[in-house]
Amino acid sequence: MQEADEFLSRQRSSSTEESTSLGEHLAALLEYRNVILAFALGAALLGGLYALITKPTYESNILVQVEENGNSIGSALGDLASMFELKTAATTEIEILRSRMILGPTVDAVHLDIDAKPTYFPLFGRFLASRVPAPVDGAPRLNMPSFAWGNEVIDVTQMEVPSQYNGRIWTVTALPNGQYSLRSPDDEPVVDHCDVARVCRATVPGGVVTVTVERLVGRPGTRFQLVHSKRLDVITRLQKSLNISEQGKDSGIISTVWRSDDPHKTQAVLNEIARLYVKQNVDRKSAEADNMIRFLDRQLPGLKDNLTKAETKYNNYRTKNTIVDLPVEAQSLLNQIVQAEVQKSQLVLQRDQLLQRFTPRHPNVDAVNRQLDTVNAQIAAFNQRLKAIPANEQDTVGLARDAMVAQEIYTTLLNNVEQLRVLKAGKTGNVRLLDGAELITVPVWPRPGLIILVATTLGIFVGLVTAFAFKALRSGIEDPAEVEDKFGIPVYATIPHSDQQSTFGRIERAGGNNAPLLARAAPTDLAVEAIRSLRTALQFAQFDARNNILMLTGPAPGVGKSFIAVNLAALMASSGKRVLLIDGDLRRGYLHRYVGAARGRGLTELIRSGGDAGEFIQPDTLVKGLDFIPTGELPPNAAELLLHPNFEQVLSQLSSRYDHVIVDTPPVLAVTDPAIIGRYAGVTLLVLRFGANPPREVEMAIKQLRQGGGTLKGVIFNDLPLNTAGYAYGKYKYAYQYEYAPRQ
């Protein structure tokens, strides 16, 4: 039973820790929501700007089909077709499409080695020119005629430069009357006047530059950029940028996709690639036909001679032996032998042709050799059967076989030669263009919606990382419960962050005017409500205190102790109590600015005089019943002044006159003043600020106050974000979710 209870306890503890961790993460997100939002908006704006200024990219494609059974030569040769039916894999055709044999002439035909374009205004000039073009014959935008503002065109069909100028920018400037000028990449004048559509040559360092501007549209003064690139470099870039793939496995359909910043150029390049690819395929098939015709032409004379000799020998034998016809059995055997011999001759021809292209061990040659072995075995079997017939019939069959085989081979090859000549004249290949490149005027990139979405997502991610990084780097205590758990000191109040007080602070810093008291200017503010709760808690804390003096201090500057001191004093006075507020920070005290008074004579002079305190008290400052003693002159020896016996007497005298005496002091870790003042205070409260004070700092502050002899009653946790109070610290949530408002 005990083990079960321990298990349930651990489960509840784990669940609580997970809930707390989730709450802390949610609190961090809410606390840094402005940071996350700023990153998201910034990223979205950057994404939109990128989409705005990015050069548009256009895409088009072509489809070609490689016909598997499209070998017309093989069809024409009949039984010799396998000689040419070496199937071309799609990968081979893809590499042909990507080869310099195809792309080199494409670069030359489309002038891809020449990049000519207008000069646009930086960042948004191209966008304006494409979306809101200005008339070429009108006034230029921004009174800048050197930039292109829309509808400008330049077409350069020829450009040759010395090698050292490859890849560098030349400048063409439009002139009146269809002329232009040319400047070198070094901004030196090369040609002052040259007519459009005429070849223009000039001498430059390193050689001669030749330019032909076929077309030029632009207002006089408009500049154009002209770049000539090395032909091989352009081919290499084109090879890398082409996306060539087979559409489906073994489909024989090959797609070629290309992108560029000019839709007309994209279309022209792809269509030129398709034209050259189909042309080379036809030329290749024509070359194969030429090779076969030449090969067969070399064989025909020998075959003709063999045919003549075989027929003469056979006819002479028949005449001499008076043979008319062969018996049926011998005739059947003769036909079988002739077919086998013809097949053997064709295989020998096929092997000879293959050996002109491949080595003897090539798989295709091996395949033909295996077929020859099979045919030779058949012929040997027929010859064995031939020995069984009479001797005179054997001689007749042998001579007839030689004549018939020679006749069959000669006739077949003669027909094939004629068919090959017909096919060559027809110029057909085994590839065809299915789809040519179309003019696509809608860019595939940039896609503004996608870019902004991705950029915003990345911005949110970076914002989240930044938020959690800030939270991780912030080593200060964020949970009031941590103070109670680590140091055993109760938290008397948690003061939520006040946007109104932040506004007052900004106004004060901007204009130098004194900030209004929050308890008076915004009495229903959540921070004021929390200070009211502190006022109630202090009534019970002072029951067993040795006097009614309350000292407020903090570990370091900037925790908000002065803000709490003055507002707490005002609220106590508003409840009908006589309250005295003392600015005990003799180093940098500024409470007089809260109450709207001068520093004047104050605590310093009172301690030095040791007399009656009445003349140093400023009565009824902020509210009725709230008196105030400023610092007075800031002494050079504040600690020594506080150690003077007069100080204890002054506090004792003031304690007897008021219901509450509140002393605001400097940070305890910065100076020893709070430790000295704390000896005479009945209650000492340590003010901490959310996320500002690390545990080690708090521990040292507590230790120093106790070593000084003060009575540290508890802690005030200040500036707690509202979202944090709602999520991370549920027990403080409800205290700050209700705000008074007048009924309508």
Foldseek 3Di string as FASTA:
>chain_A
DVVVVVVVVVVVVVVVVVQLVVLVLVLLCVVLVVLLVVLLVVLLVVLLLCQQQPQFKAKWKFKKFFFLPPQPLLVLLVVLSVLPNPGDDVVNLLVVLLDCLLQLVLCLVLVVQKDKFFAADPRRRVNQQVPPADDQPDQDPPNQQQGHRYDKDWDWNDKDDAPVQAPAKKKWFDAPPQWIWIAGSVRHGFGDTDHAQDWDWGADPRGIIIIHTNDTGHHGNYMMIMHGHDSVVSSVVVSVQWDWDADDPPRRMIMIMGMDSDLVSNQSSQQSSQVSSQQVQLVVSLVVLVVLLVLLVVVQVVLVVLLVVLVVVLVVLCVVVVDDDDDPVLVVLLVQLLVLLLSLVSLVSSLVSVVVPDPCPDPVNVVSVVVNVVSVVVNVVSVVVLVPDDPSSSVNSVSVSSNSNSVVNNVSSVSSSVSSVVVSVVSHGSMDIDDRIDRDPDGPPDDSVVSSVVSSVVSSVVSSVVSVVVVVPLQADFDQVVCCVPPVADAQFEAAAFPVVVVQVVCCVVPVAQREQCCVVPVQTLRNLRLVSSLVSVVVVCPPFPFQEEEEAALAPDLCRLSSQVSNLVVVVVVVWQEEEEALALADTDNCSHLVHDLAAFDLVCLVVLDDCVVQWAAQRPHHRYIYGHNHHRDPCSVVSLVRPSVLVRVVVVRVVTNHYYYYYYNVNVDPSLLSVQQNGREYEYEGERSNHHPVSVVVSVVSNVVSNGDYRHYHYYHNHLSCLVRNPPVSNVSRPDTDDDDD
